[in-house]
Amino acid sequence: GIRIFPGDSIYFSGIEITHAFEMPEIDRQMLMYKPAFPVTVSLDGQVERFFSSAPSLGMALWEQGIGILAGDRVSLPLDVPLDKPLTIEIILS
């Protein structure tokens, strides 16, 4: 089996499901597992760390409720794939 950790995602037929999802009884079912990666954010001198399986840095920040405005500076582009641990700095405008 696969251990599921906070922030990991499981998909069935392209839809994200929870651990309580009951699989339909049909042949050849396929699940997709997407592990979460740690994201460390330095924002106004405070450091926050969270785990996300979002496809990009921007989506991970959005899921955490961290909004980025036009004048804000982020040390990495928001479209960077979240396929490894990331550490970023955000400087608010």
C-alpha atoms as a PDB file:
ATOM      1  CA  GLY A   1       0.000   0.000   0.000  1.00  0.00           C
ATOM      2  CA  ILE A   2       0.835   3.662  -0.150  1.00  0.00           C
ATOM      3  CA  ARG A   3       1.000   5.834   2.939  1.00  0.00           C
ATOM      4  CA  ILE A   4      -1.025   8.990   2.490  1.00  0.00           C
ATOM      5  CA  PHE A   5       0.237  12.138   4.197  1.00  0.00           C
ATOM      6  CA  PRO A   6      -1.360  15.561   4.661  1.00  0.00           C
ATOM      7  CA  GLY A   7      -1.366  17.435   1.372  1.00  0.00           C
ATOM      8  CA  ASP A   8      -1.175  14.289  -0.801  1.00  0.00           C
ATOM      9  CA  SER A   9      -3.875  13.879  -3.446  1.00  0.00           C
ATOM     10  CA  ILE A  10      -5.620  10.831  -4.882  1.00  0.00           C
ATOM     11  CA  TYR A  11      -7.600  10.994  -8.120  1.00  0.00           C
ATOM     12  CA  PHE A  12     -10.187   8.607  -9.577  1.00  0.00           C
ATOM     13  CA  SER A  13     -11.247   9.262 -13.174  1.00  0.00           C
ATOM     14  CA  GLY A  14      -9.567  12.686 -12.983  1.00  0.00           C
ATOM     15  CA  ILE A  15     -11.498  13.791  -9.888  1.00  0.00           C
ATOM     16  CA  GLU A  16      -9.794  14.300  -6.530  1.00  0.00           C
ATOM     17  CA  ILE A  17     -11.231  11.929  -3.938  1.00  0.00           C
ATOM     18  CA  THR A  18     -10.975  11.566  -0.158  1.00  0.00           C
ATOM     19  CA  HIS A  19      -9.808   8.525   1.786  1.00  0.00           C
ATOM     20  CA  ALA A  20     -13.490   7.699   2.512  1.00  0.00           C
ATOM     21  CA  PHE A  21     -14.370   7.330  -1.196  1.00  0.00           C
ATOM     22  CA  GLU A  22     -16.022   3.985  -2.015  1.00  0.00           C
ATOM     23  CA  MET A  23     -14.669   2.505  -5.253  1.00  0.00           C
ATOM     24  CA  PRO A  24     -17.286   1.245  -7.706  1.00  0.00           C
ATOM     25  CA  GLU A  25     -17.084  -2.480  -8.399  1.00  0.00           C
ATOM     26  CA  ILE A  26     -15.844  -2.520 -11.983  1.00  0.00           C
ATOM     27  CA  ASP A  27     -12.825  -4.091 -13.653  1.00  0.00           C
ATOM     28  CA  ARG A  28      -9.562  -2.254 -14.223  1.00  0.00           C
ATOM     29  CA  GLN A  29      -9.880   0.801 -12.069  1.00  0.00           C
ATOM     30  CA  MET A  30      -7.051   3.267 -11.946  1.00  0.00           C
ATOM     31  CA  LEU A  31      -6.137   5.674  -9.194  1.00  0.00           C
ATOM     32  CA  MET A  32      -3.577   8.440  -9.530  1.00  0.00           C
ATOM     33  CA  TYR A  33      -1.477   9.372  -6.496  1.00  0.00           C
ATOM     34  CA  LYS A  34       0.208  12.783  -6.343  1.00  0.00           C
ATOM     35  CA  PRO A  35       2.512  13.294  -3.372  1.00  0.00           C
ATOM     36  CA  ALA A  36       2.685  16.625  -1.577  1.00  0.00           C
ATOM     37  CA  PHE A  37       5.919  18.577  -1.384  1.00  0.00           C
ATOM     38  CA  PRO A  38       6.921  21.030   1.331  1.00  0.00           C
ATOM     39  CA  VAL A  39       6.729  24.731   0.532  1.00  0.00           C
ATOM     40  CA  THR A  40       8.524  27.123   2.856  1.00  0.00           C
ATOM     41  CA  VAL A  41       7.390  30.737   2.537  1.00  0.00           C
ATOM     42  CA  SER A  42       9.083  33.771   4.070  1.00  0.00           C
ATOM     43  CA  LEU A  43       6.499  36.567   4.150  1.00  0.00           C
ATOM     44  CA  ASP A  44       7.151  39.852   5.968  1.00  0.00           C
ATOM     45  CA  GLY A  45       9.745  38.232   8.224  1.00  0.00           C
ATOM     46  CA  GLN A  46       7.534  35.302   9.190  1.00  0.00           C
ATOM     47  CA  VAL A  47       8.185  31.795   7.927  1.00  0.00           C
ATOM     48  CA  GLU A  48       5.348  29.401   7.140  1.00  0.00           C
ATOM     49  CA  ARG A  49       5.743  25.810   5.976  1.00  0.00           C
ATOM     50  CA  PHE A  50       3.008  23.705   4.411  1.00  0.00           C
ATOM     51  CA  PHE A  51       2.637  20.679   2.163  1.00  0.00           C
ATOM     52  CA  SER A  52       0.832  20.742  -1.165  1.00  0.00           C
ATOM     53  CA  SER A  53       0.240  18.511  -4.160  1.00  0.00           C
ATOM     54  CA  ALA A  54      -0.861  21.444  -6.329  1.00  0.00           C
ATOM     55  CA  PRO A  55       0.558  21.474  -9.857  1.00  0.00           C
ATOM     56  CA  SER A  56       2.303  24.845  -9.436  1.00  0.00           C
ATOM     57  CA  LEU A  57       3.645  27.211  -6.796  1.00  0.00           C
ATOM     58  CA  GLY A  58       0.879  29.730  -7.539  1.00  0.00           C
ATOM     59  CA  MET A  59      -1.843  27.120  -7.000  1.00  0.00           C
ATOM     60  CA  ALA A  60      -0.214  25.974  -3.752  1.00  0.00           C
ATOM     61  CA  LEU A  61      -0.153  29.546  -2.436  1.00  0.00           C
ATOM     62  CA  TRP A  62      -3.776  30.081  -3.509  1.00  0.00           C
ATOM     63  CA  GLU A  63      -4.866  26.873  -1.731  1.00  0.00           C
ATOM     64  CA  GLN A  64      -3.224  28.201   1.458  1.00  0.00           C
ATOM     65  CA  GLY A  65      -4.992  31.547   1.144  1.00  0.00           C
ATOM     66  CA  ILE A  66      -1.783  33.440   0.379  1.00  0.00           C
ATOM     67  CA  GLY A  67      -2.750  36.067  -2.184  1.00  0.00           C
ATOM     68  CA  ILE A  68      -0.235  37.700  -4.476  1.00  0.00           C
ATOM     69  CA  LEU A  69      -0.951  41.208  -5.799  1.00  0.00           C
ATOM     70  CA  ALA A  70       0.497  42.798  -8.933  1.00  0.00           C
ATOM     71  CA  GLY A  71       3.178  44.781  -7.077  1.00  0.00           C
ATOM     72  CA  ASP A  72       4.287  41.918  -4.813  1.00  0.00           C
ATOM     73  CA  ARG A  73       7.630  40.276  -5.514  1.00  0.00           C
ATOM     74  CA  VAL A  74       8.005  36.507  -5.349  1.00  0.00           C
ATOM     75  CA  SER A  75      11.462  34.926  -5.499  1.00  0.00           C
ATOM     76  CA  LEU A  76      10.253  32.215  -7.929  1.00  0.00           C
ATOM     77  CA  PRO A  77       7.746  32.431 -10.781  1.00  0.00           C
ATOM     78  CA  LEU A  78       4.218  31.384  -9.783  1.00  0.00           C
ATOM     79  CA  ASP A  79       4.093  28.867 -12.655  1.00  0.00           C
ATOM     80  CA  VAL A  80       7.050  26.852 -11.289  1.00  0.00           C
ATOM     81  CA  PRO A  81       5.948  23.187 -11.092  1.00  0.00           C
ATOM     82  CA  LEU A  82       5.581  21.865  -7.573  1.00  0.00           C
ATOM     83  CA  ASP A  83       7.561  18.680  -8.156  1.00  0.00           C
ATOM     84  CA  LYS A  84      10.162  19.140  -5.415  1.00  0.00           C
ATOM     85  CA  PRO A  85      10.478  21.020  -2.106  1.00  0.00           C
ATOM     86  CA  LEU A  86      10.461  24.807  -2.610  1.00  0.00           C
ATOM     87  CA  THR A  87      11.605  27.723  -0.483  1.00  0.00           C
ATOM     88  CA  ILE A  88      10.434  31.175  -1.510  1.00  0.00           C
ATOM     89  CA  GLU A  89      10.366  34.751  -0.279  1.00  0.00           C
ATOM     90  CA  ILE A  90       7.437  37.092  -0.846  1.00  0.00           C
ATOM     91  CA  ILE A  91       7.925  40.838  -0.497  1.00  0.00           C
ATOM     92  CA  LEU A  92       4.614  42.681  -0.319  1.00  0.00           C
ATOM     93  CA  SER A  93       4.189  45.948  -2.203  1.00  0.00           C
END
